[in-house]
């Protein structure tokens, strides 16, 4: 039975309605117009009204009833500790490639939580499998038009999907896609390719089945990302999984390219896209920027390298000066998967007089991977690879390596701890503009 907790406020935006009324961090919203919100979705829906009656608990535990009159859809200006005010819907599958199961034991418990929650999918684009939804949750998706959702399909043939998810309910995926289609709701799909299980003819069948739902004004399947299985040295021995080799990557690239040519003629869109990792494993050139369209699967690593390079070039042309006033030397840490692609960016930064940027492209000793994307590097990897090196005045650290909203790596080491052990300043950077500004700003690593 799910228990709804009050929504705890962590931030009151300045000059907002909530700030004017006097809301404070630590206050908790119990109910809005008599309804207890289960999650951010309920909160946003309930707050769209023009007249609100809020039941609020202050930090001393005293209850207040607050009436608010506002324009329809005006935001109150509050942020909360979590998006879900009731229990997280946990995963009931046992996918052998699940990243949660491929971690070492002994870390904090939150690292082992498997969510399969449609609300996080709607709010943040996290992937779910649709295997664990009671009827009332399907009704809520329909009533509140919670679309698009992000769905891990992996295979459309019932026996193959059952085998991958180790769940007898997994085989209902095509009926579920019809459900979305009938209600004009959308999904973005992902297929994690596991060699010998859902590749070859099974991958072709899956992509053809999924694109058959890419019809009408609101296609039920808006896009598909094809992703290589990622394996770590901590995975269970009996998992029947085989890593993706260079040969397998080349095979999948040519197979999917042929299919997407056909899809383009039929639908005017690729519909399905290969994650950047395929090309990095195969040692092949990344597709051109034009191939990615609107980047519908950017968070799944589809086109993220091309987009980063495009944004970098545009921001660098605008922000990079000819020279900086005092000498500066910084180390930029990235995954070795992007080493070749990022060489021109390093060259452009080093064209600034007084600025020296050394890129260290690392593979992950922690996960036991030869080719690593930046987002999977850990504190352990930085210590193993950078100890005793001349790192200059500081490390530029892409914040994709850090847990959302925290200065902590995936292996639970803190940025502070790594900085102390390497005896160097670490500058977490969020995106291109932050990276370039950190390189050229006064006071950051200046000698």
Protein backbone atom coordinates (compact mmCIF):
# COMPACT_ATOMS: atom_id res chain seq x y z
CA UNK A 1 0.00 0.00 0.00
CA UNK A 2 1.50 3.35 -0.97
CA UNK A 3 1.91 5.96 1.76
CA UNK A 4 1.77 9.58 0.70
CA UNK A 5 4.21 11.84 2.54
CA UNK A 6 3.82 15.65 2.57
CA UNK A 7 5.83 17.39 -0.17
CA UNK A 8 8.91 18.90 1.50
CA UNK A 9 10.03 22.28 0.10
CA UNK A 10 13.77 22.61 -0.65
CA UNK A 11 13.69 25.92 -2.53
CA UNK A 12 11.45 28.99 -2.74
CA UNK A 13 12.17 30.92 -5.94
CA UNK A 14 12.76 34.65 -5.31
CA UNK A 15 9.93 37.02 -6.31
CA UNK A 16 7.56 34.07 -6.81
CA UNK A 17 4.01 33.77 -5.47
CA UNK A 18 5.30 31.42 -2.74
CA UNK A 19 8.03 33.91 -1.72
CA UNK A 20 5.46 36.73 -1.44
CA UNK A 21 3.22 34.58 0.76
CA UNK A 22 6.17 33.69 3.01
CA UNK A 23 6.81 30.00 2.31
CA UNK A 24 10.12 28.78 3.70
CA UNK A 25 12.49 25.91 3.01
CA UNK A 26 11.45 22.96 5.20
CA UNK A 27 7.71 23.72 5.00
CA UNK A 28 5.64 20.77 3.76
CA UNK A 29 2.55 20.77 1.55
CA UNK A 30 0.05 18.21 2.84
CA UNK A 31 -2.91 18.87 0.51
CA UNK A 32 -4.06 21.15 -2.32
CA UNK A 33 -7.81 21.78 -2.54
CA UNK A 34 -8.33 18.80 -0.25
CA UNK A 35 -6.25 16.39 -2.35
CA UNK A 36 -2.93 14.93 -1.18
CA UNK A 37 -0.54 15.06 -4.16
CA UNK A 38 1.20 11.71 -4.82
CA UNK A 39 3.95 13.29 -6.90
CA UNK A 40 5.04 16.32 -8.90
CA UNK A 41 2.54 15.44 -11.63
CA UNK A 42 -0.40 15.75 -9.18
CA UNK A 43 1.15 18.91 -7.71
CA UNK A 44 1.44 20.59 -11.13
CA UNK A 45 -2.06 19.50 -12.13
CA UNK A 46 -3.65 20.69 -8.86
CA UNK A 47 -1.74 24.01 -8.91
CA UNK A 48 -3.07 24.89 -12.37
CA UNK A 49 -6.32 26.13 -10.74
CA UNK A 50 -6.95 29.84 -10.11
CA UNK A 51 -8.03 29.41 -6.49
CA UNK A 52 -5.97 27.14 -4.27
CA UNK A 53 -6.45 26.15 -0.66
CA UNK A 54 -3.23 24.67 0.70
CA UNK A 55 -2.77 22.68 3.88
CA UNK A 56 0.82 23.35 4.97
CA UNK A 57 2.97 22.05 7.83
CA UNK A 58 5.66 24.51 8.94
CA UNK A 59 9.04 23.46 10.35
CA UNK A 60 7.68 23.46 13.93
CA UNK A 61 4.95 20.98 12.94
CA UNK A 62 2.13 23.56 13.05
CA UNK A 63 -0.62 23.27 10.39
CA UNK A 64 -1.63 26.33 8.31
CA UNK A 65 -4.42 26.76 5.76
CA UNK A 66 -3.32 29.11 3.00
CA UNK A 67 -5.63 30.52 0.31
CA UNK A 68 -4.09 31.66 -2.97
CA UNK A 69 -5.73 33.46 -5.88
CA UNK A 70 -3.66 33.52 -9.04
CA UNK A 71 -3.83 33.32 -12.82
CA UNK A 72 -4.57 29.89 -14.24
CA UNK A 73 -1.30 27.95 -14.84
CA UNK A 74 0.84 30.45 -12.86
CA UNK A 75 3.60 28.57 -11.05
CA UNK A 76 3.93 28.98 -7.28
CA UNK A 77 7.74 28.94 -7.44
CA UNK A 78 8.48 25.95 -5.20
CA UNK A 79 10.95 23.09 -5.55
CA UNK A 80 10.79 19.83 -3.59
CA UNK A 81 13.15 17.25 -2.09
CA UNK A 82 11.84 14.53 -4.43
CA UNK A 83 9.49 14.18 -7.41
CA UNK A 84 7.57 11.35 -5.73
CA UNK A 85 5.73 11.88 -2.45
CA UNK A 86 4.67 8.22 -2.18
CA UNK A 87 6.57 4.98 -2.78
CA UNK A 88 8.80 4.52 -5.81
CA UNK A 89 7.41 1.88 -8.18
CA UNK A 90 10.21 -0.68 -8.16
CA UNK A 91 11.30 -2.94 -10.98
CA UNK A 92 10.06 -6.52 -11.00
CA UNK A 93 12.28 -7.70 -13.89
CA UNK A 94 15.64 -9.44 -13.67
CA UNK A 95 17.32 -8.21 -16.87
CA UNK A 96 20.84 -9.71 -16.92
CA UNK A 97 22.31 -6.46 -18.31
CA UNK A 98 20.76 -4.23 -15.63
CA UNK A 99 23.37 -1.72 -14.50
CA UNK A 100 22.13 -1.87 -10.90
CA UNK A 101 23.10 -5.58 -10.72
CA UNK A 102 26.48 -4.86 -12.32
CA UNK A 103 27.74 -2.84 -9.36
CA UNK A 104 29.97 -4.05 -6.54
CA UNK A 105 28.33 -4.81 -3.17
CA UNK A 106 28.77 -2.66 -0.09
CA UNK A 107 27.76 0.78 -1.43
CA UNK A 108 24.91 2.91 -0.04
CA UNK A 109 21.46 1.34 -0.43
CA UNK A 110 20.09 3.99 -2.84
CA UNK A 111 22.53 2.72 -5.50
CA UNK A 112 20.71 -0.62 -5.61
CA UNK A 113 17.19 0.78 -6.03
CA UNK A 114 15.70 -0.31 -9.35
CA UNK A 115 12.99 2.08 -10.40
CA UNK A 116 10.49 1.20 -13.09
CA UNK A 117 8.25 4.17 -12.46
CA UNK A 118 6.18 5.74 -15.26
CA UNK A 119 6.14 9.08 -13.40
CA UNK A 120 9.94 9.41 -13.49
CA UNK A 121 9.74 8.41 -17.15
CA UNK A 122 7.26 11.22 -17.87
CA UNK A 123 9.06 13.83 -15.77
CA UNK A 124 12.72 13.03 -16.51
CA UNK A 125 12.86 10.62 -19.46
CA UNK A 126 14.04 7.59 -17.49
CA UNK A 127 13.22 4.24 -19.11
CA UNK A 128 10.58 1.81 -17.86
CA UNK A 129 9.40 -1.62 -19.06
CA UNK A 130 5.57 -1.42 -18.51
CA UNK A 131 5.61 -4.87 -16.85
CA UNK A 132 4.45 -3.80 -13.38
CA UNK A 133 1.57 -1.33 -13.84
CA UNK A 134 -1.74 -2.02 -12.08
CA UNK A 135 -4.90 -1.06 -14.01
CA UNK A 136 -5.37 2.16 -12.00
CA UNK A 137 -1.95 3.44 -13.14
CA UNK A 138 -2.80 2.73 -16.80
CA UNK A 139 -6.01 4.73 -16.22
CA UNK A 140 -4.00 7.60 -14.74
CA UNK A 141 -1.63 7.67 -17.74
CA UNK A 142 -4.71 7.92 -19.99
CA UNK A 143 -6.65 10.47 -17.93
CA UNK A 144 -3.69 12.81 -17.36
CA UNK A 145 -2.27 12.28 -20.89
CA UNK A 146 1.16 11.41 -19.50
CA UNK A 147 3.01 11.39 -22.79
CA UNK A 148 5.62 10.76 -24.04
CA UNK A 149 6.92 7.92 -21.87
CA UNK A 150 10.31 6.25 -22.42
CA UNK A 151 10.09 2.48 -22.77
CA UNK A 152 12.79 -0.23 -22.73
CA UNK A 153 11.48 -2.59 -25.39
CA UNK A 154 14.62 -4.63 -26.27
CA UNK A 155 12.56 -7.13 -28.30
CA UNK A 156 8.98 -7.35 -29.57
CA UNK A 157 8.85 -11.17 -29.89
CA UNK A 158 7.24 -12.35 -26.62
CA UNK A 159 9.65 -15.26 -25.99
CA UNK A 160 12.76 -13.10 -26.62
CA UNK A 161 11.53 -10.24 -24.40
CA UNK A 162 10.49 -12.70 -21.67
CA UNK A 163 13.99 -14.20 -21.82
CA UNK A 164 15.66 -10.79 -21.56
CA UNK A 165 13.49 -9.38 -18.78
CA UNK A 166 13.03 -12.76 -17.01
CA UNK A 167 9.37 -11.84 -16.60
CA UNK A 168 6.36 -13.64 -18.12
CA UNK A 169 4.44 -10.38 -18.44
CA UNK A 170 7.13 -8.91 -20.71
CA UNK A 171 5.61 -10.55 -23.80
CA UNK A 172 2.62 -8.17 -23.81
CA UNK A 173 4.60 -5.27 -25.33
CA UNK A 174 2.82 -5.17 -28.74
CA UNK A 175 -0.63 -5.05 -27.09
CA UNK A 176 0.66 -2.25 -24.85
CA UNK A 177 1.91 -0.28 -27.86
CA UNK A 178 -1.56 -0.68 -29.44
CA UNK A 179 -3.00 0.75 -26.20
CA UNK A 180 -0.83 3.88 -26.61
CA UNK A 181 -1.75 4.13 -30.29
CA UNK A 182 -5.52 3.93 -29.65
CA UNK A 183 -5.26 6.79 -27.14
CA UNK A 184 -2.91 8.92 -29.28
CA UNK A 185 -0.22 8.75 -26.58
CA UNK A 186 3.47 8.44 -27.42
CA UNK A 187 6.56 6.54 -26.37
CA UNK A 188 10.26 6.80 -27.18
CA UNK A 189 11.67 3.26 -27.29
CA UNK A 190 15.10 1.82 -26.60
CA UNK A 191 16.55 -1.51 -27.68
CA UNK A 192 19.65 -2.68 -25.79
CA UNK A 193 21.30 -5.17 -28.15
CA UNK A 194 22.68 -8.31 -26.47
CA UNK A 195 24.68 -10.37 -28.99
CA UNK A 196 23.25 -13.84 -29.54
CA UNK A 197 19.90 -12.99 -27.88
CA UNK A 198 18.08 -10.06 -29.55
CA UNK A 199 20.40 -9.19 -32.46
CA UNK A 200 20.31 -10.29 -36.13
CA UNK A 201 16.84 -11.28 -37.33
CA UNK A 202 15.35 -10.48 -33.90
CA UNK A 203 16.65 -6.89 -34.08
CA UNK A 204 15.19 -6.49 -37.58
CA UNK A 205 11.80 -7.85 -36.41
CA UNK A 206 11.83 -5.50 -33.38
CA UNK A 207 12.64 -2.42 -35.47
CA UNK A 208 10.03 -3.30 -38.11
CA UNK A 209 7.40 -3.90 -35.40
CA UNK A 210 8.23 -0.62 -33.64
CA UNK A 211 8.22 1.48 -36.82
CA UNK A 212 4.81 0.04 -37.74
CA UNK A 213 3.57 2.25 -34.87
CA UNK A 214 5.23 5.34 -36.39
CA UNK A 215 2.10 6.43 -38.26
CA UNK A 216 -0.47 9.21 -38.10
CA UNK A 217 -0.18 12.74 -36.72
CA UNK A 218 0.86 11.50 -33.27
CA UNK A 219 2.88 8.33 -33.88
CA UNK A 220 2.66 5.95 -30.91
CA UNK A 221 6.39 5.18 -31.31
CA UNK A 222 8.05 8.55 -31.83
CA UNK A 223 11.65 7.26 -31.99
CA UNK A 224 13.83 4.23 -31.26
CA UNK A 225 17.38 4.19 -29.86
CA UNK A 226 19.53 1.12 -30.56
CA UNK A 227 22.14 0.81 -27.81
CA UNK A 228 24.96 -1.75 -27.29
CA UNK A 229 24.81 -3.73 -24.04
CA UNK A 230 27.25 -2.31 -21.47
CA UNK A 231 28.92 -4.91 -19.27
CA UNK A 232 31.05 -4.42 -16.17
CA UNK A 233 33.44 -6.76 -14.36
CA UNK A 234 30.96 -7.03 -11.45
CA UNK A 235 28.21 -8.69 -13.50
CA UNK A 236 26.85 -12.09 -12.43
CA UNK A 237 28.84 -14.95 -13.98
CA UNK A 238 25.78 -16.88 -15.16
CA UNK A 239 24.25 -13.99 -17.12
CA UNK A 240 24.66 -15.51 -20.64
CA UNK A 241 25.76 -12.12 -22.02
CA UNK A 242 28.54 -11.52 -24.56
CA UNK A 243 30.27 -8.14 -24.92
CA UNK A 244 29.86 -6.23 -28.20
CA UNK A 245 33.00 -6.75 -30.32
CA UNK A 246 34.25 -4.43 -33.07
CA UNK A 247 33.01 -6.96 -35.64
CA UNK A 248 29.53 -7.12 -34.04
CA UNK A 249 29.36 -3.29 -33.90
CA UNK A 250 30.16 -3.06 -37.64
CA UNK A 251 27.49 -5.69 -38.38
CA UNK A 252 24.80 -3.86 -36.37
CA UNK A 253 25.71 -0.49 -37.95
CA UNK A 254 25.32 -1.81 -41.49
CA UNK A 255 22.11 -3.69 -40.59
CA UNK A 256 20.44 -0.66 -38.99
CA UNK A 257 21.68 1.73 -41.71
CA UNK A 258 19.98 -0.40 -44.38
CA UNK A 259 16.74 -0.45 -42.40
CA UNK A 260 16.77 3.30 -41.71
CA UNK A 261 17.21 4.06 -45.43
CA UNK A 262 13.96 2.15 -45.96
CA UNK A 263 12.28 3.92 -43.02
CA UNK A 264 13.33 7.34 -44.35
CA UNK A 265 11.64 6.67 -47.68
CA UNK A 266 8.53 5.35 -45.95
CA UNK A 267 8.16 7.78 -43.02
CA UNK A 268 10.37 10.76 -43.94
CA UNK A 269 12.45 10.03 -40.82
CA UNK A 270 15.04 7.52 -39.62
CA UNK A 271 12.67 6.63 -36.73
CA UNK A 272 15.49 4.43 -35.35
CA UNK A 273 18.95 5.75 -34.43
CA UNK A 274 22.18 4.09 -33.37
CA UNK A 275 23.82 5.27 -30.14
CA UNK A 276 27.24 6.92 -30.64
CA UNK A 277 28.92 4.00 -28.85
CA UNK A 278 28.38 1.67 -31.84
CA UNK A 279 30.61 3.86 -34.01
CA UNK A 280 33.23 4.24 -31.28
CA UNK A 281 33.41 0.45 -30.73
CA UNK A 282 33.52 -0.15 -34.51
CA UNK A 283 36.18 2.54 -35.00
CA UNK A 284 33.95 4.17 -37.63
CA UNK A 285 33.21 7.83 -38.38
CA UNK A 286 30.19 9.24 -36.51
CA UNK A 287 27.16 10.09 -38.69
CA UNK A 288 26.86 13.69 -39.86
CA UNK A 289 24.92 16.18 -37.77
CA UNK A 290 22.06 16.26 -40.33
CA UNK A 291 21.33 12.56 -39.66
CA UNK A 292 20.06 13.20 -36.12
CA UNK A 293 17.11 15.46 -36.96
CA UNK A 294 15.75 16.91 -33.73
CA UNK A 295 17.99 14.68 -31.56
CA UNK A 296 14.98 12.79 -30.10
CA UNK A 297 17.20 10.34 -28.18
CA UNK A 298 20.00 12.68 -27.06
CA UNK A 299 19.87 11.43 -23.44
CA UNK A 300 20.46 7.91 -24.71
CA UNK A 301 23.77 8.90 -26.27
CA UNK A 302 22.33 9.23 -29.78
CA UNK A 303 24.10 12.18 -31.37
CA UNK A 304 25.42 13.57 -28.09
CA UNK A 305 29.02 13.81 -29.38
CA UNK A 306 27.99 15.59 -32.59
CA UNK A 307 25.74 17.97 -30.65
CA UNK A 308 28.50 18.72 -28.13
CA UNK A 309 30.97 19.51 -30.94
CA UNK A 310 28.38 21.72 -32.68
CA UNK A 311 27.61 23.64 -29.47
CA UNK A 312 31.31 23.91 -28.63
CA UNK A 313 32.18 25.44 -32.03
CA UNK A 314 29.35 27.95 -31.78
CA UNK A 315 30.11 29.00 -28.16
CA UNK A 316 33.90 29.00 -28.70
CA UNK A 317 33.59 31.36 -31.67
CA UNK A 318 31.60 33.73 -29.49
CA UNK A 319 33.45 33.47 -26.16
CA UNK A 320 37.08 32.47 -26.72
CA UNK A 321 39.47 35.46 -26.57
CA UNK A 322 42.77 35.66 -28.47
CA UNK A 323 44.67 35.56 -25.18
CA UNK A 324 44.15 35.48 -21.42
CA UNK A 325 45.92 37.84 -19.06
CA UNK A 326 47.76 35.28 -16.92
CA UNK A 327 49.07 31.81 -17.80
CA UNK A 328 46.80 28.87 -17.02
CA UNK A 329 47.20 25.11 -17.43
CA UNK A 330 44.25 22.76 -16.92
CA UNK A 331 43.57 19.03 -17.36
CA UNK A 332 40.32 18.07 -19.10
CA UNK A 333 39.18 14.54 -18.15
CA UNK A 334 36.98 12.61 -20.62
CA UNK A 335 36.19 8.99 -21.47
CA UNK A 336 38.53 7.51 -24.08
CA UNK A 337 35.49 6.87 -26.30
CA UNK A 338 35.55 10.56 -27.35
CA UNK A 339 39.33 10.98 -27.55
CA UNK A 340 39.52 11.29 -31.36
CA UNK A 341 36.32 13.30 -31.75
CA UNK A 342 37.43 15.93 -29.21
CA UNK A 343 40.97 16.56 -30.56
CA UNK A 344 39.87 19.61 -32.64
CA UNK A 345 38.21 21.13 -29.53
CA UNK A 346 41.45 20.88 -27.52
CA UNK A 347 43.30 22.48 -30.45
CA UNK A 348 40.83 25.37 -30.49
CA UNK A 349 41.24 25.95 -26.72
CA UNK A 350 45.02 25.82 -26.99
CA UNK A 351 44.94 28.48 -29.71
CA UNK A 352 44.20 30.98 -26.90
CA UNK A 353 47.52 32.55 -25.86
CA UNK A 354 48.33 31.80 -22.22
CA UNK A 355 45.93 28.83 -22.03
CA UNK A 356 47.14 25.23 -22.02
CA UNK A 357 44.54 22.44 -21.95
CA UNK A 358 45.69 18.83 -21.74
CA UNK A 359 43.01 16.25 -22.42
CA UNK A 360 43.30 13.00 -20.45
CA UNK A 361 41.09 10.37 -22.12
CA UNK A 362 40.58 7.51 -19.65
CA UNK A 363 39.10 4.03 -19.74
CA UNK A 364 37.37 2.71 -16.65
CA UNK A 365 39.48 0.40 -14.51
CA UNK A 366 36.64 0.47 -11.97
CA UNK A 367 34.03 -1.07 -14.32
CA UNK A 368 36.65 -3.12 -16.21
CA UNK A 369 35.96 -1.50 -19.60
CA UNK A 370 38.45 -0.88 -22.40
CA UNK A 371 36.31 1.79 -24.03
CA UNK A 372 34.51 4.14 -21.66
CA UNK A 373 32.04 6.97 -22.09
CA UNK A 374 32.72 10.04 -19.95
CA UNK A 375 29.60 9.56 -17.81
CA UNK A 376 30.83 6.21 -16.43
CA UNK A 377 34.24 7.35 -15.18
CA UNK A 378 34.54 7.19 -11.38
CA UNK A 379 36.66 8.73 -8.64
CA UNK A 380 38.66 5.49 -8.56
CA UNK A 381 39.47 5.91 -12.29
CA UNK A 382 40.76 9.45 -11.75
CA UNK A 383 43.01 8.32 -8.90
CA UNK A 384 44.37 5.30 -10.82
CA UNK A 385 45.09 7.29 -13.99
CA UNK A 386 46.07 10.74 -12.72
CA UNK A 387 48.14 10.14 -9.55
CA UNK A 388 51.64 11.53 -9.92
CA UNK A 389 50.83 13.30 -13.22
CA UNK A 390 51.42 17.00 -13.88
CA UNK A 391 47.81 18.18 -13.84
CA UNK A 392 48.58 21.90 -13.99
CA UNK A 393 46.35 24.25 -12.03
CA UNK A 394 43.26 22.07 -11.87
CA UNK A 395 40.98 19.45 -13.44
CA UNK A 396 38.00 20.26 -15.67
CA UNK A 397 35.46 17.60 -14.67
CA UNK A 398 32.35 17.08 -16.87
CA UNK A 399 29.47 16.82 -14.39
CA UNK A 400 27.97 13.87 -16.33
CA UNK A 401 30.34 11.80 -14.15
CA UNK A 402 28.52 12.93 -11.01
CA UNK A 403 25.26 11.76 -9.51
CA UNK A 404 22.38 14.09 -10.27
CA UNK A 405 22.60 17.14 -8.00
CA UNK A 406 25.53 15.78 -5.94
CA UNK A 407 29.32 16.18 -5.97
CA UNK A 408 29.70 12.39 -5.82
CA UNK A 409 30.93 9.91 -8.46
CA UNK A 410 29.15 6.65 -9.35
CA UNK A 411 31.54 4.70 -7.09
CA UNK A 412 30.40 6.83 -4.13
CA UNK A 413 33.68 8.78 -3.89
CA UNK A 414 33.21 12.52 -3.40
CA UNK A 415 34.83 15.17 -5.59
CA UNK A 416 36.36 16.60 -2.42
CA UNK A 417 38.02 13.28 -1.56
CA UNK A 418 39.50 12.87 -5.09
CA UNK A 419 40.67 16.50 -5.04
CA UNK A 420 42.39 15.90 -1.69
CA UNK A 421 44.09 12.67 -2.80
CA UNK A 422 45.35 14.19 -6.06
CA UNK A 423 46.18 17.45 -4.26
CA UNK A 424 44.59 19.50 -7.05
CA UNK A 425 41.54 21.75 -7.51
CA UNK A 426 38.64 20.15 -9.37
CA UNK A 427 36.20 22.31 -11.36
CA UNK A 428 32.94 20.48 -12.21
CA UNK A 429 31.59 21.87 -15.51
CA UNK A 430 28.04 21.55 -16.80
CA UNK A 431 28.01 21.72 -20.59
CA UNK A 432 29.95 23.70 -23.17
CA UNK A 433 29.51 27.25 -21.92
CA UNK A 434 30.55 26.35 -18.39
CA UNK A 435 33.60 24.48 -19.73
CA UNK A 436 34.79 27.43 -21.83
CA UNK A 437 34.07 30.05 -19.16
CA UNK A 438 36.03 28.01 -16.60
CA UNK A 439 38.98 27.86 -19.03
CA UNK A 440 39.12 31.63 -19.55
CA UNK A 441 37.80 33.10 -16.30
CA UNK A 442 40.05 34.98 -13.91
CA UNK A 443 40.67 33.29 -10.58
CA UNK A 444 40.11 29.73 -11.83
CA UNK A 445 43.48 28.01 -11.80
CA UNK A 446 45.41 31.21 -12.63
CA UNK A 447 49.05 31.22 -11.80
